[in-house]
Protein backbone atom coordinates (compact mmCIF):
# COMPACT_ATOMS: atom_id res chain seq x y z
CA MET A 1 -5.18 19.00 15.49
CA ALA A 2 -6.97 22.32 15.28
CA ALA A 3 -9.79 22.83 12.79
CA ASP A 4 -7.99 25.67 11.01
CA GLN A 5 -4.88 23.60 10.24
CA PRO A 6 -4.75 21.76 6.89
CA CYS A 7 -4.09 18.02 6.63
CA LEU A 8 -0.44 17.47 5.69
CA SER A 9 1.60 14.37 5.04
CA PRO A 10 4.28 13.67 7.69
CA GLY A 11 7.03 14.36 5.14
CA LEU A 12 6.00 18.02 4.96
CA LEU A 13 6.25 18.73 8.67
CA ALA A 14 9.84 19.96 8.60
CA ILE A 15 9.30 22.08 5.51
CA THR A 16 6.08 23.85 6.50
CA GLY A 17 6.63 23.94 10.26
CA ILE A 18 3.06 22.82 10.99
CA ARG A 19 2.65 20.08 13.58
CA VAL A 20 0.38 17.21 12.60
CA GLU A 21 -0.47 14.22 14.77
CA MET A 22 -1.70 11.10 13.05
CA PRO A 23 -4.07 8.64 14.73
CA ARG A 24 -2.44 5.34 15.64
CA SER A 25 -5.52 3.17 15.99
CA TYR A 26 -5.72 1.75 12.45
CA GLN A 27 -7.14 -1.76 12.17
CA ARG A 28 -6.85 -3.62 8.91
CA LYS A 29 -10.26 -4.25 7.37
CA THR A 30 -9.36 -7.05 4.97
CA ASN A 31 -7.10 -10.07 4.78
CA ARG A 32 -6.09 -9.25 1.19
CA GLY A 33 -2.44 -10.02 0.58
CA SER A 34 -1.98 -11.72 3.95
CA TRP A 35 -0.09 -14.65 2.42
CA SER A 36 3.69 -14.55 2.42
CA GLN A 37 5.98 -14.50 -0.58
CA GLU A 38 7.59 -17.66 0.79
CA ASN A 39 4.22 -19.46 0.74
CA LEU A 40 3.67 -18.29 -2.83
CA THR A 41 7.04 -19.69 -3.89
CA LEU A 42 6.35 -22.99 -2.13
CA ALA A 43 2.91 -23.22 -3.74
CA LYS A 44 4.36 -22.57 -7.20
CA GLU A 45 6.97 -25.29 -6.61
CA ALA A 46 4.25 -27.70 -5.47
CA ILE A 47 2.22 -26.97 -8.61
CA ALA A 48 5.30 -27.55 -10.76
CA SER A 49 5.71 -30.96 -9.10
CA GLY A 50 2.14 -32.01 -9.93
CA VAL A 51 -0.15 -30.64 -7.18
CA SER A 52 -3.31 -28.98 -8.50
CA ILE A 53 -3.79 -25.23 -8.12
CA LYS A 54 -6.92 -25.81 -6.02
CA ARG A 55 -5.06 -28.16 -3.64
CA ALA A 56 -2.01 -25.86 -3.38
CA SER A 57 -4.37 -22.97 -2.64
CA ALA A 58 -5.88 -24.88 0.29
CA ILE A 59 -2.51 -26.07 1.61
CA PHE A 60 -0.68 -22.74 1.50
CA GLY A 61 -3.60 -20.38 2.25
CA ILE A 62 -3.38 -18.40 -0.99
CA PRO A 63 -6.54 -17.56 -2.93
CA ARG A 64 -6.94 -19.86 -5.94
CA SER A 65 -7.32 -17.02 -8.44
CA THR A 66 -4.20 -15.29 -7.09
CA LEU A 67 -2.21 -18.49 -7.31
CA HIS A 68 -3.50 -19.13 -10.84
CA ASP A 69 -2.47 -15.62 -11.93
CA HIS A 70 1.03 -16.04 -10.51
CA VAL A 71 1.52 -19.51 -12.00
CA PHE A 72 0.48 -18.35 -15.47
CA GLN A 73 2.43 -15.08 -15.10
CA LYS A 74 -0.56 -12.78 -15.37
CA VAL A 75 0.75 -10.70 -12.46
CA VAL A 76 3.62 -8.27 -12.93
CA SER A 77 3.86 -7.28 -9.29
CA SER A 78 1.96 -8.15 -6.13
CA LYS A 79 2.66 -4.84 -4.42
CA LEU A 80 -0.14 -3.54 -2.22
CA GLY A 81 -0.61 0.01 -1.12
CA PRO A 82 -1.05 3.44 -2.61
CA LYS A 83 0.01 4.44 -6.09
CA GLU A 84 3.19 6.40 -6.67
CA THR A 85 2.95 10.08 -5.85
CA VAL A 86 2.56 12.71 -8.53
CA PHE A 87 4.40 15.51 -6.73
CA THR A 88 7.66 15.42 -4.81
CA VAL A 89 7.68 16.40 -1.15
CA GLU A 90 9.16 19.78 -2.05
CA GLN A 91 6.46 20.44 -4.66
CA GLU A 92 3.73 19.49 -2.16
CA ALA A 93 5.25 21.84 0.40
CA GLU A 94 5.35 24.69 -2.13
CA ILE A 95 1.71 24.11 -3.08
CA ILE A 96 0.66 24.04 0.58
CA ILE A 97 2.56 27.22 1.37
CA ASN A 98 0.95 28.95 -1.59
CA LEU A 99 -2.49 27.74 -0.61
CA LEU A 100 -2.01 28.89 2.98
CA ASP A 101 -0.84 32.27 1.68
CA LEU A 102 -3.96 32.58 -0.53
CA GLU A 103 -6.15 31.55 2.40
CA ASN A 104 -4.76 34.34 4.58
CA ARG A 105 -5.38 37.09 1.99
């Protein structure tokens, strides 16, 4: 990507007509959230049948604090990733077009 081109999200490519290539060499830096929802369900069932939280944590590979929070319903959602966007794709495109226009003045 050239130095004079702005960074755009892939969703804006069709709207703005600017070509952006994203790097594909990402390597995850943490194991946070690497347990499966199925393991969480099985661990919660095991706890309900009398297994301790510490033991279920070791058996199913879920952090003890995470398992504790889910058992005592302190977690609303276990979704990882970025927050919801503030602007729609169209609004972002309009802002970018305006910024590019101001830059060229």
